[in-house]
Protein backbone atom coordinates (compact mmCIF):
# COMPACT_ATOMS: atom_id res chain seq x y z
CA MET A 1 42.20 143.44 165.81
CA ASN A 2 42.16 141.12 168.91
CA ASP A 3 38.71 140.93 169.95
CA ALA A 4 39.57 138.52 172.87
CA ARG A 5 37.58 139.36 176.13
CA ARG A 6 37.69 138.83 179.32
CA PRO A 7 35.70 136.30 180.91
CA ALA A 8 32.64 138.23 182.74
CA GLU A 9 32.65 140.30 179.43
CA ALA A 10 32.07 136.98 177.61
CA SER A 11 29.66 136.05 179.67
CA ALA A 12 27.61 139.30 179.55
CA LEU A 13 27.66 139.14 175.66
CA LEU A 14 26.03 135.52 175.86
CA ASN A 15 23.86 136.24 178.87
CA PRO A 16 22.97 140.21 178.66
CA SER A 17 19.77 140.04 181.04
CA GLU A 18 21.86 138.34 183.37
CA HIS A 19 24.24 140.97 183.82
CA SER A 20 22.19 144.18 183.62
CA SER A 21 23.14 146.87 186.05
CA ALA A 22 20.08 146.25 188.01
CA GLU A 23 21.11 142.87 189.07
CA PRO A 24 20.77 142.07 192.44
CA GLN A 25 24.29 140.86 193.09
CA ASP A 26 23.87 140.51 196.67
CA LEU A 27 20.63 138.57 196.40
CA SER A 28 22.54 135.18 195.14
CA THR A 29 23.29 132.41 197.23
CA ALA A 30 25.43 131.41 199.16
CA ALA A 31 29.15 131.35 197.43
CA VAL A 32 31.62 128.04 197.96
CA GLU A 33 33.59 129.25 201.02
CA GLU A 34 30.76 129.85 203.06
CA SER A 35 28.83 126.05 202.12
CA ALA A 36 29.87 123.04 203.63
CA GLU A 37 30.74 119.77 202.09
CA LEU A 38 27.40 117.43 202.17
CA ALA A 39 28.46 114.02 200.29
CA VAL A 40 31.36 112.87 198.49
CA VAL A 41 31.20 110.33 196.06
CA THR A 42 33.96 107.42 195.91
CA ARG A 43 35.37 104.91 193.03
CA ALA A 44 37.81 102.08 194.57
CA GLY A 45 37.63 103.65 197.88
CA VAL A 46 38.96 106.93 196.63
CA VAL A 47 36.89 110.14 196.56
CA GLU A 48 36.01 111.59 193.09
CA SER A 49 33.32 113.78 193.75
CA ARG A 50 32.17 116.35 196.22
CA HIS A 51 28.86 117.64 196.58
CA ILE A 52 28.76 121.39 198.25
CA GLY A 53 25.77 123.26 200.06
CA SER A 54 23.74 124.38 202.58
CA ALA A 55 21.17 121.97 204.60
CA VAL A 56 19.02 123.00 207.73
CA VAL A 57 16.35 121.36 209.97
CA VAL A 58 13.82 122.95 211.67
CA GLY A 59 11.44 121.53 214.69
CA PRO A 60 7.83 121.49 214.82
CA ASP A 61 8.38 125.62 216.18
CA GLY A 62 9.90 126.66 213.53
CA GLN A 63 13.36 127.01 215.42
CA VAL A 64 16.26 125.90 213.81
CA LEU A 65 17.79 122.43 215.36
CA GLU A 66 20.85 122.38 212.57
CA SER A 67 22.56 124.85 210.71
CA ILE A 68 24.96 123.51 207.85
CA GLY A 69 26.66 125.95 205.40
CA ALA A 70 24.88 128.96 204.83
CA PRO A 71 20.96 128.30 205.08
CA GLN A 72 20.06 131.95 205.68
CA ARG A 73 21.17 132.95 202.05
CA LEU A 74 18.54 132.61 199.27
CA ILE A 75 18.00 130.42 196.97
CA PHE A 76 15.48 129.52 194.43
CA PRO A 77 13.36 126.62 195.55
CA ARG A 78 11.96 125.96 192.34
CA SER A 79 9.09 122.85 192.77
CA THR A 80 9.28 122.38 196.15
CA LEU A 81 7.08 125.31 196.63
CA LYS A 82 4.52 123.69 194.31
CA PRO A 83 2.24 122.70 197.44
CA PHE A 84 1.81 125.95 198.19
CA GLN A 85 0.98 127.23 195.48
CA ALA A 86 -1.75 124.39 195.55
CA ILE A 87 -2.79 125.86 198.41
CA ALA A 88 -3.46 128.92 196.60
CA SER A 89 -5.70 127.27 194.22
CA LEU A 90 -7.64 125.77 196.76
CA ARG A 91 -7.77 128.98 198.32
CA SER A 92 -8.88 130.74 195.16
CA GLY A 93 -11.63 128.34 194.72
CA ALA A 94 -10.42 125.82 192.56
CA LEU A 95 -12.68 122.26 192.55
CA ILE A 96 -10.43 119.37 191.73
CA SER A 97 -10.07 116.10 193.17
CA PRO A 98 -7.28 115.19 195.75
CA GLU A 99 -5.35 113.00 193.46
CA ALA A 100 -5.76 116.25 190.80
CA VAL A 101 -4.32 117.94 194.31
CA ALA A 102 -1.50 116.06 194.53
CA LEU A 103 -0.46 116.05 190.78
CA ALA A 104 -0.49 119.86 191.22
CA CYS A 105 1.87 119.50 194.15
CA GLY A 106 4.07 117.33 191.98
CA SER A 107 7.13 117.14 189.62
CA HIS A 108 5.63 113.65 187.55
CA VAL A 109 7.46 111.79 185.02
CA GLY A 110 4.82 112.70 182.55
CA SER A 111 3.30 108.90 182.29
CA ARG A 112 0.06 108.61 180.76
CA LYS A 113 -1.83 108.48 183.69
CA HIS A 114 -0.25 111.61 185.10
CA GLN A 115 -1.15 113.46 181.18
CA GLU A 116 -4.91 111.57 181.68
CA LEU A 117 -5.15 113.29 185.32
CA ALA A 118 -3.79 116.85 184.16
CA ALA A 119 -6.47 116.68 180.81
CA SER A 120 -9.22 115.49 183.15
CA VAL A 121 -9.10 118.68 185.30
CA LEU A 122 -9.06 120.66 182.40
CA HIS A 123 -11.89 118.87 180.51
CA ALA A 124 -13.93 119.64 184.17
CA GLU A 125 -13.25 123.47 183.48
CA GLY A 126 -14.50 123.31 179.59
CA LEU A 127 -10.66 123.42 178.76
CA ASP A 128 -8.23 121.03 176.81
CA GLU A 129 -4.56 121.38 176.86
CA SER A 130 -4.10 124.15 174.72
CA ALA A 131 -5.21 126.19 177.49
CA LEU A 132 -1.74 125.18 179.32
CA LYS A 133 1.07 127.90 179.36
CA CYS A 134 3.81 125.40 180.31
CA PRO A 135 5.87 124.06 177.51
CA ALA A 136 5.54 120.89 175.69
CA ALA A 137 7.33 117.42 176.41
CA TRP A 138 7.82 114.13 176.12
CA PRO A 139 7.25 111.26 178.62
CA ALA A 140 10.43 111.06 181.01
CA ARG A 141 11.13 107.33 181.26
CA THR A 142 11.85 104.99 178.55
CA GLN A 143 8.55 103.01 178.81
CA ASP A 144 6.21 105.76 179.26
CA LEU A 145 7.85 107.22 176.38
CA ARG A 146 7.30 104.02 174.29
CA ILE A 147 3.48 103.85 175.24
CA HIS A 148 2.83 107.76 174.11
CA LEU A 149 5.00 107.31 170.79
CA GLU A 150 2.98 103.79 170.06
CA SER A 151 -0.14 105.76 170.44
CA GLY A 152 0.97 108.45 167.75
CA LYS A 153 1.44 111.14 170.27
CA ALA A 154 3.81 114.00 169.65
CA GLU A 155 4.97 116.51 172.40
CA THR A 156 2.09 117.66 175.04
CA PRO A 157 2.63 120.17 177.66
CA LEU A 158 0.03 117.26 179.60
CA ALA A 159 3.78 115.56 179.62
CA PHE A 160 5.47 118.25 181.39
CA ASN A 161 5.82 117.78 184.83
CA CYS A 162 4.11 120.91 186.06
CA SER A 163 0.97 120.39 183.83
CA GLY A 164 -0.79 119.17 187.39
CA LYS A 165 0.40 122.49 188.84
CA HIS A 166 -0.79 124.68 185.87
CA ALA A 167 -3.83 122.88 185.54
CA ALA A 168 -5.02 123.71 189.10
CA PHE A 169 -4.14 127.49 188.18
CA LEU A 170 -6.50 127.12 185.07
CA ALA A 171 -9.04 125.67 187.63
CA ALA A 172 -8.67 128.74 190.21
CA ALA A 173 -8.69 131.38 187.62
CA ARG A 174 -12.06 129.77 185.82
CA THR A 175 -13.89 129.87 189.24
CA ASN A 176 -12.79 133.60 189.55
CA GLY A 177 -13.89 134.66 186.21
CA TRP A 178 -10.01 135.57 185.93
CA ARG A 179 -8.42 135.70 182.41
CA LEU A 180 -6.79 132.54 181.72
CA ALA A 181 -4.29 133.70 178.66
CA THR A 182 -2.30 135.37 181.56
CA TYR A 183 -2.56 133.27 184.44
CA LEU A 184 1.30 132.78 184.45
CA GLU A 185 1.73 136.95 184.80
CA ARG A 186 2.94 138.27 188.28
CA SER A 187 0.10 140.45 187.97
CA HIS A 188 -2.24 138.13 188.14
CA PRO A 189 -4.91 137.78 190.92
CA LEU A 190 -3.75 134.04 191.59
CA GLN A 191 -0.05 134.76 191.30
CA GLN A 192 -0.66 137.65 194.36
CA VAL A 193 -2.54 134.69 196.09
CA ILE A 194 0.56 132.61 195.48
CA MET A 195 2.99 135.04 197.03
CA ASP A 196 0.61 135.79 199.82
CA VAL A 197 0.35 131.93 200.68
CA ILE A 198 4.18 131.42 200.28
CA THR A 199 4.71 134.37 202.53
CA GLU A 200 2.39 133.50 205.09
CA TYR A 201 4.05 129.61 205.21
CA CYS A 202 7.48 130.45 204.89
CA ARG A 203 7.30 133.38 207.06
CA GLU A 204 9.23 135.54 205.20
CA GLU A 205 8.43 137.58 201.71
CA PRO A 206 10.12 136.61 198.87
CA ALA A 207 12.97 138.85 198.00
CA VAL A 208 13.37 138.43 194.38
CA VAL A 209 10.94 136.56 191.72
CA GLY A 210 12.44 135.07 188.65
CA VAL A 211 10.69 132.98 186.01
CA ASP A 212 10.38 129.13 186.72
CA GLY A 213 11.18 126.99 184.11
CA CYS A 214 7.39 126.36 183.49
CA GLY A 215 6.86 130.12 183.00
CA ALA A 216 5.56 130.44 186.35
CA PRO A 217 6.88 133.04 188.41
CA ALA A 218 9.84 132.07 190.52
CA PRO A 219 10.26 133.54 193.87
CA ALA A 220 13.21 133.17 195.93
CA LEU A 221 13.63 132.22 199.69
CA SER A 222 16.15 131.38 202.42
CA LEU A 223 16.58 127.79 202.87
CA THR A 224 15.33 127.99 206.25
CA GLY A 225 12.44 129.77 205.10
CA LEU A 226 11.45 126.92 202.80
CA ALA A 227 12.13 124.42 205.54
CA ARG A 228 9.78 126.37 207.79
CA GLY A 229 6.76 126.33 205.01
CA PHE A 230 7.53 122.55 205.17
CA SER A 231 7.10 122.29 208.81
CA THR A 232 3.59 123.76 208.92
CA LEU A 233 2.27 122.12 205.96
CA ALA A 234 3.63 118.43 206.91
CA ALA A 235 2.04 119.23 210.72
CA SER A 236 -1.32 119.96 209.12
CA THR A 237 -2.57 116.84 209.08
CA SER A 238 -2.71 116.39 213.04
CA ARG A 239 -3.21 120.14 214.30
CA ARG A 240 -6.91 121.45 215.05
CA ASP A 241 -5.61 124.88 214.19
CA ALA A 242 -4.38 124.21 210.60
CA GLU A 243 -5.90 125.83 207.26
CA VAL A 244 -8.05 123.36 205.64
CA HIS A 245 -6.36 123.82 202.03
CA ALA A 246 -3.23 122.81 204.06
CA PHE A 247 -4.66 119.67 205.43
CA THR A 248 -5.80 119.20 202.09
CA VAL A 249 -2.58 119.48 200.34
CA ASN A 250 -0.44 117.42 202.34
CA GLN A 251 -2.82 114.09 202.49
CA ALA A 252 -3.66 114.30 198.95
CA MET A 253 0.44 113.92 198.78
CA LEU A 254 0.39 111.31 201.10
CA ASP A 255 -2.69 109.46 199.77
CA TYR A 256 -1.72 109.94 196.08
CA PRO A 257 1.69 109.48 195.97
CA TRP A 258 2.10 108.37 192.43
CA ALA A 259 0.70 111.55 191.44
CA VAL A 260 3.55 113.75 193.29
CA HIS A 261 6.59 111.87 190.90
CA GLY A 262 6.08 108.04 189.49
CA ARG A 263 6.23 105.14 190.69
CA GLY A 264 9.52 104.01 192.14
CA GLU A 265 10.62 107.48 191.87
CA ALA A 266 12.26 108.92 194.90
CA ASN A 267 9.60 111.30 196.44
CA THR A 268 6.73 108.74 195.80
CA VAL A 269 9.10 106.35 197.77
CA VAL A 270 9.58 108.78 200.65
CA LEU A 271 5.81 109.12 200.85
CA GLU A 272 5.03 105.79 200.65
CA GLU A 273 7.13 103.77 202.83
CA LEU A 274 8.35 106.49 205.53
CA GLY A 275 5.22 108.83 205.38
CA LEU A 276 7.35 111.99 205.36
CA THR A 277 6.04 114.83 203.05
CA ALA A 278 8.88 115.43 200.33
CA LYS A 279 8.94 117.74 197.21
CA LEU A 280 12.20 117.87 194.97
CA GLY A 281 12.99 121.16 193.25
CA ALA A 282 15.25 121.84 190.00
CA GLU A 283 18.84 122.77 190.83
CA GLY A 284 19.39 120.52 193.62
CA VAL A 285 16.70 121.64 195.78
CA LEU A 286 14.77 118.91 198.12
CA VAL A 287 12.40 119.49 201.19
CA VAL A 288 11.34 116.52 203.41
CA ALA A 289 8.87 116.97 206.28
CA ALA A 290 7.72 114.52 209.12
CA PRO A 291 4.25 114.72 210.56
CA ASP A 292 5.47 116.20 213.68
CA GLY A 293 6.79 119.44 211.72
CA THR A 294 10.47 118.57 211.73
CA ALA A 295 11.74 119.34 208.52
CA ALA A 296 14.98 119.18 206.64
CA ALA A 297 15.93 121.17 203.42
CA VAL A 298 18.79 120.65 201.13
CA LYS A 299 20.56 122.97 198.80
CA VAL A 300 23.00 121.46 196.53
CA LEU A 301 25.37 124.41 194.96
CA ASP A 302 26.12 123.10 191.74
CA GLY A 303 22.51 121.94 191.06
CA SER A 304 22.92 118.42 191.32
CA SER A 305 20.32 116.15 192.88
CA ARG A 306 22.30 112.95 193.36
CA ALA A 307 22.84 113.21 197.29
CA THR A 308 20.00 115.27 197.93
CA ASN A 309 17.77 112.65 199.52
CA LEU A 310 20.83 110.92 201.34
CA VAL A 311 21.43 114.13 203.32
CA ALA A 312 17.98 115.23 204.12
CA LEU A 313 16.53 111.86 205.01
CA SER A 314 19.71 111.36 207.19
CA LEU A 315 19.63 114.74 209.02
CA LEU A 316 16.14 113.74 209.83
CA ALA A 317 16.98 110.37 211.11
CA ALA A 318 19.63 111.45 213.06
CA ARG A 319 16.58 113.42 214.69
CA GLY A 320 14.71 110.11 215.53
CA VAL A 321 12.26 110.81 212.66
CA ILE A 322 12.94 108.12 210.66
CA GLU A 323 13.94 104.47 212.34
CA LEU A 324 17.75 103.71 211.04
CA ASP A 325 16.50 100.12 209.60
CA ALA A 326 13.60 101.80 207.44
CA LEU A 327 16.01 104.51 206.15
CA GLY A 328 18.40 102.34 204.87
CA ASP A 329 15.70 100.28 202.72
CA VAL A 330 14.32 103.52 201.37
CA LEU A 331 17.96 104.98 200.81
CA ARG A 332 18.72 101.82 198.87
CA LYS A 333 15.89 102.16 196.32
CA ILE A 334 16.21 105.98 195.68
CA VAL A 335 20.05 106.35 195.68
CA LYS A 336 21.72 105.23 192.74
CA PRO A 337 24.76 103.22 193.45
CA ILE A 338 28.29 103.89 191.48
CA THR A 339 28.29 101.10 188.78
CA GLY A 340 30.94 100.26 186.28
CA GLY A 341 30.67 97.62 183.20
CA ALA A 342 27.88 95.68 181.48
CA GLY A 343 26.78 93.87 184.46
CA GLY A 344 25.93 97.05 186.66
CA GLU A 345 28.72 95.94 189.22
CA GLN A 346 28.84 98.35 192.08
CA VAL A 347 31.88 99.80 191.96
CA GLY A 348 31.98 103.02 194.30
CA SER A 349 29.39 104.74 196.69
CA ILE A 350 27.85 108.24 197.28
CA ARG A 351 28.31 108.49 201.11
CA LEU A 352 27.70 111.59 203.71
CA ALA A 353 30.75 113.73 203.97
CA PRO A 354 32.93 113.15 206.82
CA ALA A 355 32.98 116.29 208.58
CA LEU A 356 28.55 116.29 208.19
CA LEU A 357 28.66 112.98 209.77
CA SER A 358 30.35 114.05 212.57
CA ARG A 359 27.72 115.91 213.55
CA LEU A 360 24.53 113.49 213.14
């Protein structure tokens, strides 16, 4: 008997939970036809690949200054929400150092220093890595992995890029006497505070909540709402009416940029050299915000992050937030060239799409 299936039917068999009758199909992210070409990759002067997505720039008052594609459509911001989760942890009473606050905001590379900082937060609460509910992982970079293996260590949740966030969650739960074993459940008091903070800062209530790669709830918001949240966050260091916890979070990211990502990594370089609040998220999401509250958010539809820094920083430079000389220096450090051969000769480039460039 021929058991050939239509593509949709085959997909449903492979991913049954993704195709239930209750799935909110109308809440999906933007389609290709309503999105925009953001960047192109060239080789030998010929366009080889195109990055499609949406971007938005908001001003200090949260008003949209530039809208590209469909930023009003929902996305999963993923790890870009960590600063707001950190605000919620502090608001709930977590007693952690500024350096640990920066780690709570970070998607770090799992270096020994990152692991030791996360472990110190747990130790202060009488806990160890077994309390973490994020997956175990190896350090992300070769040199850190070598040190890890030479020390005789195995995979550990301390090396997972979200371990700082989870350690802060546990510190908040410990302070309040909340259950530690269930700290990732949506009904947990801490997760309820997190949803309140996200709604407050992003000025919209999450339309749907999934599960992030680390196991924490993953709310969906519009790209515009995400940019507004970062606008308020980044401006907190200069506004007298800012929430003290927002000030603490933003200042910690600026003071300890290594904890947010890693030495030489994109978010860390932008924080260090441009003084901008930068946070990446999985599946091609990036937000960068200036101290005056101007913020740019980008989402690439296929989940690639290769062009996100180029797009976001160029949008801010077009608004006068970044000097062009400084932009060029930073982009050369964080946007990987297209190379060929054993010598790593540059044979192509990543460029803004012509339609986007014409708007700047």
